[in-house]
């Protein structure tokens, strides 16, 4: 998993009734963007350091590039 400051970390629910968590990555300790990450959680504003598991994923803060225009 590779992330950048400003990306969102999404922890998918793993138990019935769990809603998961979403936060913004505010710090990265590895030069290559690997965990651990410092995350500020949207639900309560707390900040924690986390090594995400396989049930988590990163959503880029960068907007997706526009599709290329094909000339015909």
PDB file of N, CA and C in Angstrom:
ATOM      1  N   UNK A   1       0.853  -1.170   0.000  1.00  0.00           N
ATOM      2  CA  UNK A   1       0.000   0.000   0.000  1.00  0.00           C
ATOM      3  C   UNK A   1       0.898   1.231   0.000  1.00  0.00           C
ATOM      4  N   UNK A   2       0.627   2.140  -0.926  1.00  0.00           N
ATOM      5  CA  UNK A   2       1.387   3.384  -1.039  1.00  0.00           C
ATOM      6  C   UNK A   2       0.404   4.547  -0.940  1.00  0.00           C
ATOM      7  N   UNK A   3       0.774   5.579  -0.185  1.00  0.00           N
ATOM      8  CA  UNK A   3      -0.119   6.725   0.003  1.00  0.00           C
ATOM      9  C   UNK A   3       0.703   8.012   0.033  1.00  0.00           C
ATOM     10  N   UNK A   4      -0.014   9.114  -0.039  1.00  0.00           N
ATOM     11  CA  UNK A   4       0.565  10.450   0.054  1.00  0.00           C
ATOM     12  C   UNK A   4      -0.239  11.246   1.070  1.00  0.00           C
ATOM     13  N   UNK A   5       0.389  12.256   1.652  1.00  0.00           N
ATOM     14  CA  UNK A   5      -0.332  13.135   2.562  1.00  0.00           C
ATOM     15  C   UNK A   5      -1.496  13.754   1.791  1.00  0.00           C
ATOM     16  N   UNK A   6      -2.680  13.735   2.399  1.00  0.00           N
ATOM     17  CA  UNK A   6      -3.890  14.260   1.775  1.00  0.00           C
ATOM     18  C   UNK A   6      -4.790  13.172   1.218  1.00  0.00           C
ATOM     19  N   UNK A   7      -4.239  11.977   0.973  1.00  0.00           N
ATOM     20  CA  UNK A   7      -5.063  10.852   0.525  1.00  0.00           C
ATOM     21  C   UNK A   7      -5.994  10.430   1.652  1.00  0.00           C
ATOM     22  N   UNK A   8      -7.068   9.729   1.290  1.00  0.00           N
ATOM     23  CA  UNK A   8      -7.995   9.194   2.278  1.00  0.00           C
ATOM     24  C   UNK A   8      -7.677   7.720   2.528  1.00  0.00           C
ATOM     25  N   UNK A   9      -7.706   7.332   3.790  1.00  0.00           N
ATOM     26  CA  UNK A   9      -7.560   5.936   4.167  1.00  0.00           C
ATOM     27  C   UNK A   9      -8.944   5.424   4.545  1.00  0.00           C
ATOM     28  N   UNK A  10      -9.364   4.346   3.884  1.00  0.00           N
ATOM     29  CA  UNK A  10     -10.682   3.758   4.126  1.00  0.00           C
ATOM     30  C   UNK A  10     -10.479   2.390   4.763  1.00  0.00           C
ATOM     31  N   UNK A  11     -11.010   2.224   5.979  1.00  0.00           N
ATOM     32  CA  UNK A  11     -10.988   0.932   6.652  1.00  0.00           C
ATOM     33  C   UNK A  11     -12.355   0.304   6.436  1.00  0.00           C
ATOM     34  N   UNK A  12     -12.406  -0.741   5.645  1.00  0.00           N
ATOM     35  CA  UNK A  12     -13.660  -1.418   5.345  1.00  0.00           C
ATOM     36  C   UNK A  12     -14.160  -2.165   6.574  1.00  0.00           C
ATOM     37  N   UNK A  13     -15.479  -2.247   6.736  1.00  0.00           N
ATOM     38  CA  UNK A  13     -16.013  -2.988   7.887  1.00  0.00           C
ATOM     39  C   UNK A  13     -15.626  -4.465   7.802  1.00  0.00           C
ATOM     40  N   UNK A  14     -15.275  -5.033   8.941  1.00  0.00           N
ATOM     41  CA  UNK A  14     -14.883  -6.444   8.984  1.00  0.00           C
ATOM     42  C   UNK A  14     -15.842  -7.286   9.811  1.00  0.00           C
ATOM     43  N   UNK A  15     -16.718  -6.655  10.579  1.00  0.00           N
ATOM     44  CA  UNK A  15     -17.684  -7.363  11.418  1.00  0.00           C
ATOM     45  C   UNK A  15     -19.095  -6.911  11.067  1.00  0.00           C
ATOM     46  N   UNK A  16     -20.062  -7.767  11.267  1.00  0.00           N
ATOM     47  CA  UNK A  16     -21.458  -7.397  11.046  1.00  0.00           C
ATOM     48  C   UNK A  16     -21.803  -6.241  11.974  1.00  0.00           C
ATOM     49  N   UNK A  17     -22.395  -5.207  11.406  1.00  0.00           N
ATOM     50  CA  UNK A  17     -22.772  -4.044  12.193  1.00  0.00           C
ATOM     51  C   UNK A  17     -21.704  -2.968  12.230  1.00  0.00           C
ATOM     52  N   UNK A  18     -20.502  -3.294  11.809  1.00  0.00           N
ATOM     53  CA  UNK A  18     -19.410  -2.328  11.763  1.00  0.00           C
ATOM     54  C   UNK A  18     -19.617  -1.416  10.555  1.00  0.00           C
ATOM     55  N   UNK A  19     -19.305  -0.142  10.699  1.00  0.00           N
ATOM     56  CA  UNK A  19     -19.486   0.799   9.594  1.00  0.00           C
ATOM     57  C   UNK A  19     -18.181   1.149   8.902  1.00  0.00           C
ATOM     58  N   UNK A  20     -17.050   0.701   9.435  1.00  0.00           N
ATOM     59  CA  UNK A  20     -15.766   1.078   8.862  1.00  0.00           C
ATOM     60  C   UNK A  20     -15.391   2.484   9.287  1.00  0.00           C
ATOM     61  N   UNK A  21     -14.266   2.976   8.769  1.00  0.00           N
ATOM     62  CA  UNK A  21     -13.793   4.315   9.121  1.00  0.00           C
ATOM     63  C   UNK A  21     -13.124   4.930   7.912  1.00  0.00           C
ATOM     64  N   UNK A  22     -13.177   6.265   7.844  1.00  0.00           N
ATOM     65  CA  UNK A  22     -12.505   7.004   6.788  1.00  0.00           C
ATOM     66  C   UNK A  22     -11.785   8.173   7.437  1.00  0.00           C
ATOM     67  N   UNK A  23     -10.548   8.403   7.001  1.00  0.00           N
ATOM     68  CA  UNK A  23      -9.781   9.525   7.513  1.00  0.00           C
ATOM     69  C   UNK A  23      -8.834  10.049   6.464  1.00  0.00           C
ATOM     70  N   UNK A  24      -8.236  11.181   6.753  1.00  0.00           N
ATOM     71  CA  UNK A  24      -7.267  11.777   5.842  1.00  0.00           C
ATOM     72  C   UNK A  24      -5.864  11.524   6.384  1.00  0.00           C
ATOM     73  N   UNK A  25      -4.960  11.137   5.496  1.00  0.00           N
ATOM     74  CA  UNK A  25      -3.576  10.871   5.893  1.00  0.00           C
ATOM     75  C   UNK A  25      -2.866  12.208   6.050  1.00  0.00           C
ATOM     76  N   UNK A  26      -2.363  12.445   7.260  1.00  0.00           N
ATOM     77  CA  UNK A  26      -1.699  13.711   7.560  1.00  0.00           C
ATOM     78  C   UNK A  26      -0.199  13.559   7.729  1.00  0.00           C
ATOM     79  N   UNK A  27       0.280  12.315   7.784  1.00  0.00           N
ATOM     80  CA  UNK A  27       1.717  12.091   7.930  1.00  0.00           C
ATOM     81  C   UNK A  27       2.108  10.708   7.455  1.00  0.00           C
ATOM     82  N   UNK A  28       3.295  10.632   6.860  1.00  0.00           N
ATOM     83  CA  UNK A  28       3.851   9.365   6.383  1.00  0.00           C
ATOM     84  C   UNK A  28       5.292   9.291   6.872  1.00  0.00           C
ATOM     85  N   UNK A  29       5.673   8.157   7.431  1.00  0.00           N
ATOM     86  CA  UNK A  29       7.000   8.026   8.023  1.00  0.00           C
ATOM     87  C   UNK A  29       8.021   7.361   7.109  1.00  0.00           C
ATOM     88  N   UNK A  30       7.589   6.776   5.993  1.00  0.00           N
ATOM     89  CA  UNK A  30       8.497   6.102   5.065  1.00  0.00           C
ATOM     90  C   UNK A  30       8.636   6.945   3.798  1.00  0.00           C
ATOM     91  N   UNK A  31       9.837   7.029   3.267  1.00  0.00           N
ATOM     92  CA  UNK A  31      10.069   7.804   2.048  1.00  0.00           C
ATOM     93  C   UNK A  31       9.314   7.248   0.841  1.00  0.00           C
ATOM     94  N   UNK A  32       9.027   5.953   0.845  1.00  0.00           N
ATOM     95  CA  UNK A  32       8.355   5.336  -0.308  1.00  0.00           C
ATOM     96  C   UNK A  32       6.827   5.356  -0.209  1.00  0.00           C
ATOM     97  N   UNK A  33       6.263   5.990   0.818  1.00  0.00           N
ATOM     98  CA  UNK A  33       4.815   6.085   0.960  1.00  0.00           C
ATOM     99  C   UNK A  33       4.162   4.891   1.620  1.00  0.00           C
ATOM    100  N   UNK A  34       4.977   3.975   2.136  1.00  0.00           N
ATOM    101  CA  UNK A  34       4.449   2.784   2.809  1.00  0.00           C
ATOM    102  C   UNK A  34       4.045   3.127   4.248  1.00  0.00           C
ATOM    103  N   UNK A  35       3.191   2.301   4.859  1.00  0.00           N
ATOM    104  CA  UNK A  35       2.789   2.518   6.252  1.00  0.00           C
ATOM    105  C   UNK A  35       3.990   2.468   7.193  1.00  0.00           C
ATOM    106  N   UNK A  36       3.859   3.038   8.380  1.00  0.00           N
ATOM    107  CA  UNK A  36       2.636   3.495   9.031  1.00  0.00           C
ATOM    108  C   UNK A  36       2.231   4.891   8.567  1.00  0.00           C
ATOM    109  N   UNK A  37       0.928   5.187   8.758  1.00  0.00           N
ATOM    110  CA  UNK A  37       0.376   6.486   8.406  1.00  0.00           C
ATOM    111  C   UNK A  37      -0.183   7.161   9.647  1.00  0.00           C
ATOM    112  N   UNK A  38      -0.089   8.485   9.672  1.00  0.00           N
ATOM    113  CA  UNK A  38      -0.778   9.274  10.685  1.00  0.00           C
ATOM    114  C   UNK A  38      -2.079   9.726  10.026  1.00  0.00           C
ATOM    115  N   UNK A  39      -3.206   9.392  10.658  1.00  0.00           N
ATOM    116  CA  UNK A  39      -4.513   9.623  10.057  1.00  0.00           C
ATOM    117  C   UNK A  39      -5.396  10.420  11.014  1.00  0.00           C
ATOM    118  N   UNK A  40      -6.067  11.449  10.464  1.00  0.00           N
ATOM    119  CA  UNK A  40      -7.092  12.182  11.226  1.00  0.00           C
ATOM    120  C   UNK A  40      -8.439  11.641  10.759  1.00  0.00           C
ATOM    121  N   UNK A  41      -9.178  11.026  11.691  1.00  0.00           N
ATOM    122  CA  UNK A  41     -10.440  10.353  11.374  1.00  0.00           C
ATOM    123  C   UNK A  41     -11.566  11.354  11.283  1.00  0.00           C
ATOM    124  N   UNK A  42     -12.376  11.239  10.220  1.00  0.00           N
ATOM    125  CA  UNK A  42     -13.476  12.167   9.991  1.00  0.00           C
ATOM    126  C   UNK A  42     -14.542  12.064  11.071  1.00  0.00           C
ATOM    127  N   UNK A  43     -14.815  10.871  11.570  1.00  0.00           N
ATOM    128  CA  UNK A  43     -15.939  10.674  12.488  1.00  0.00           C
ATOM    129  C   UNK A  43     -15.779  11.396  13.816  1.00  0.00           C
ATOM    130  N   UNK A  44     -14.533  11.516  14.313  1.00  0.00           N
ATOM    131  CA  UNK A  44     -14.364  12.133  15.628  1.00  0.00           C
ATOM    132  C   UNK A  44     -13.197  13.119  15.712  1.00  0.00           C
ATOM    133  N   UNK A  45     -12.452  13.296  14.610  1.00  0.00           N
ATOM    134  CA  UNK A  45     -11.357  14.264  14.591  1.00  0.00           C
ATOM    135  C   UNK A  45     -10.087  13.803  15.288  1.00  0.00           C
ATOM    136  N   UNK A  46     -10.111  12.590  15.844  1.00  0.00           N
ATOM    137  CA  UNK A  46      -8.906  12.086  16.513  1.00  0.00           C
ATOM    138  C   UNK A  46      -7.834  11.762  15.487  1.00  0.00           C
ATOM    139  N   UNK A  47      -6.580  11.805  15.939  1.00  0.00           N
ATOM    140  CA  UNK A  47      -5.444  11.466  15.086  1.00  0.00           C
ATOM    141  C   UNK A  47      -4.740  10.257  15.679  1.00  0.00           C
ATOM    142  N   UNK A  48      -4.469   9.264  14.825  1.00  0.00           N
ATOM    143  CA  UNK A  48      -3.780   8.054  15.270  1.00  0.00           C
ATOM    144  C   UNK A  48      -2.747   7.640  14.235  1.00  0.00           C
ATOM    145  N   UNK A  49      -1.792   6.827  14.673  1.00  0.00           N
ATOM    146  CA  UNK A  49      -0.852   6.196  13.750  1.00  0.00           C
ATOM    147  C   UNK A  49      -1.352   4.781  13.509  1.00  0.00           C
ATOM    148  N   UNK A  50      -1.324   4.349  12.235  1.00  0.00           N
ATOM    149  CA  UNK A  50      -1.907   3.054  11.905  1.00  0.00           C
ATOM    150  C   UNK A  50      -1.087   2.343  10.837  1.00  0.00           C
ATOM    151  N   UNK A  51      -1.005   1.031  11.000  1.00  0.00           N
ATOM    152  CA  UNK A  51      -0.512   0.120   9.967  1.00  0.00           C
ATOM    153  C   UNK A  51      -1.766  -0.555   9.410  1.00  0.00           C
ATOM    154  N   UNK A  52      -2.310  -0.089   8.278  1.00  0.00           N
ATOM    155  CA  UNK A  52      -3.553  -0.672   7.781  1.00  0.00           C
ATOM    156  C   UNK A  52      -3.395  -2.127   7.367  1.00  0.00           C
ATOM    157  N   UNK A  53      -4.493  -2.881   7.511  1.00  0.00           N
ATOM    158  CA  UNK A  53      -4.471  -4.292   7.133  1.00  0.00           C
ATOM    159  C   UNK A  53      -4.977  -4.466   5.701  1.00  0.00           C
ATOM    160  N   UNK A  54      -5.188  -5.707   5.303  1.00  0.00           N
ATOM    161  CA  UNK A  54      -5.612  -6.016   3.938  1.00  0.00           C
ATOM    162  C   UNK A  54      -7.035  -5.555   3.637  1.00  0.00           C
ATOM    163  N   UNK A  55      -7.813  -5.233   4.656  1.00  0.00           N
ATOM    164  CA  UNK A  55      -9.189  -4.780   4.458  1.00  0.00           C
ATOM    165  C   UNK A  55      -9.266  -3.276   4.210  1.00  0.00           C
ATOM    166  N   UNK A  56      -8.137  -2.586   4.222  1.00  0.00           N
ATOM    167  CA  UNK A  56      -8.108  -1.138   4.029  1.00  0.00           C
ATOM    168  C   UNK A  56      -7.652  -0.813   2.615  1.00  0.00           C
ATOM    169  N   UNK A  57      -8.006   0.399   2.165  1.00  0.00           N
ATOM    170  CA  UNK A  57      -7.485   0.883   0.885  1.00  0.00           C
ATOM    171  C   UNK A  57      -7.317   2.397   0.939  1.00  0.00           C
ATOM    172  N   UNK A  58      -6.499   2.903   0.016  1.00  0.00           N
ATOM    173  CA  UNK A  58      -6.208   4.326  -0.077  1.00  0.00           C
ATOM    174  C   UNK A  58      -6.953   4.895  -1.272  1.00  0.00           C
ATOM    175  N   UNK A  59      -7.585   6.053  -1.071  1.00  0.00           N
ATOM    176  CA  UNK A  59      -8.212   6.796  -2.163  1.00  0.00           C
ATOM    177  C   UNK A  59      -7.400   8.063  -2.370  1.00  0.00           C
ATOM    178  N   UNK A  60      -6.924   8.261  -3.575  1.00  0.00           N
ATOM    179  CA  UNK A  60      -6.060   9.388  -3.894  1.00  0.00           C
ATOM    180  C   UNK A  60      -6.790  10.712  -3.738  1.00  0.00           C
ATOM    181  N   UNK A  61      -6.077  11.702  -3.232  1.00  0.00           N
ATOM    182  CA  UNK A  61      -6.635  13.046  -3.128  1.00  0.00           C
ATOM    183  C   UNK A  61      -6.567  13.753  -4.474  1.00  0.00           C
ATOM    184  N   UNK A  62      -5.742  13.248  -5.384  1.00  0.00           N
ATOM    185  CA  UNK A  62      -5.611  13.839  -6.713  1.00  0.00           C
ATOM    186  C   UNK A  62      -6.843  13.503  -7.538  1.00  0.00           C
ATOM    187  N   UNK A  63      -7.381  14.494  -8.257  1.00  0.00           N
ATOM    188  CA  UNK A  63      -8.506  14.163  -9.131  1.00  0.00           C
ATOM    189  C   UNK A  63      -8.051  13.238 -10.259  1.00  0.00           C
ATOM    190  N   UNK A  64      -8.966  12.409 -10.704  1.00  0.00           N
ATOM    191  CA  UNK A  64      -8.651  11.499 -11.805  1.00  0.00           C
ATOM    192  C   UNK A  64      -8.400  12.311 -13.068  1.00  0.00           C
ATOM    193  N   UNK A  65      -7.418  11.912 -13.886  1.00  0.00           N
ATOM    194  CA  UNK A  65      -7.151  12.666 -15.112  1.00  0.00           C
ATOM    195  C   UNK A  65      -8.325  12.557 -16.082  1.00  0.00           C
ATOM    196  N   UNK A  66      -8.520  13.619 -16.849  1.00  0.00           N
ATOM    197  CA  UNK A  66      -9.585  13.603 -17.852  1.00  0.00           C
ATOM    198  C   UNK A  66      -9.226  12.626 -18.953  1.00  0.00           C
ATOM    199  N   UNK A  67     -10.216  11.975 -19.533  1.00  0.00           N
ATOM    200  CA  UNK A  67      -9.919  11.045 -20.619  1.00  0.00           C
ATOM    201  C   UNK A  67      -9.271  11.775 -21.792  1.00  0.00           C
ATOM    202  N   UNK A  68      -8.388  11.085 -22.470  1.00  0.00           N
ATOM    203  CA  UNK A  68      -7.716  11.663 -23.622  1.00  0.00           C
ATOM    204  C   UNK A  68      -8.704  11.793 -24.767  1.00  0.00           C
ATOM    205  N   UNK A  69      -8.571  12.872 -25.507  1.00  0.00           N
ATOM    206  CA  UNK A  69      -9.402  13.075 -26.680  1.00  0.00           C
ATOM    207  C   UNK A  69      -8.717  12.380 -27.862  1.00  0.00           C
ATOM    208  N   UNK A  70      -9.459  11.580 -28.550  1.00  0.00           N
ATOM    209  CA  UNK A  70      -8.911  10.846 -29.694  1.00  0.00           C
ATOM    210  C   UNK A  70      -9.303  11.574 -30.970  1.00  0.00           C
ATOM    211  N   UNK A  71      -8.317  11.946 -31.765  1.00  0.00           N
ATOM    212  CA  UNK A  71      -8.583  12.588 -33.053  1.00  0.00           C
ATOM    213  C   UNK A  71      -8.768  11.511 -34.107  1.00  0.00           C
ATOM    214  N   UNK A  72      -9.798  11.676 -34.922  1.00  0.00           N
ATOM    215  CA  UNK A  72     -10.050  10.702 -35.992  1.00  0.00           C
ATOM    216  C   UNK A  72     -10.081  11.393 -37.316  1.00  0.00           C
TER     217      UNK A  72
END
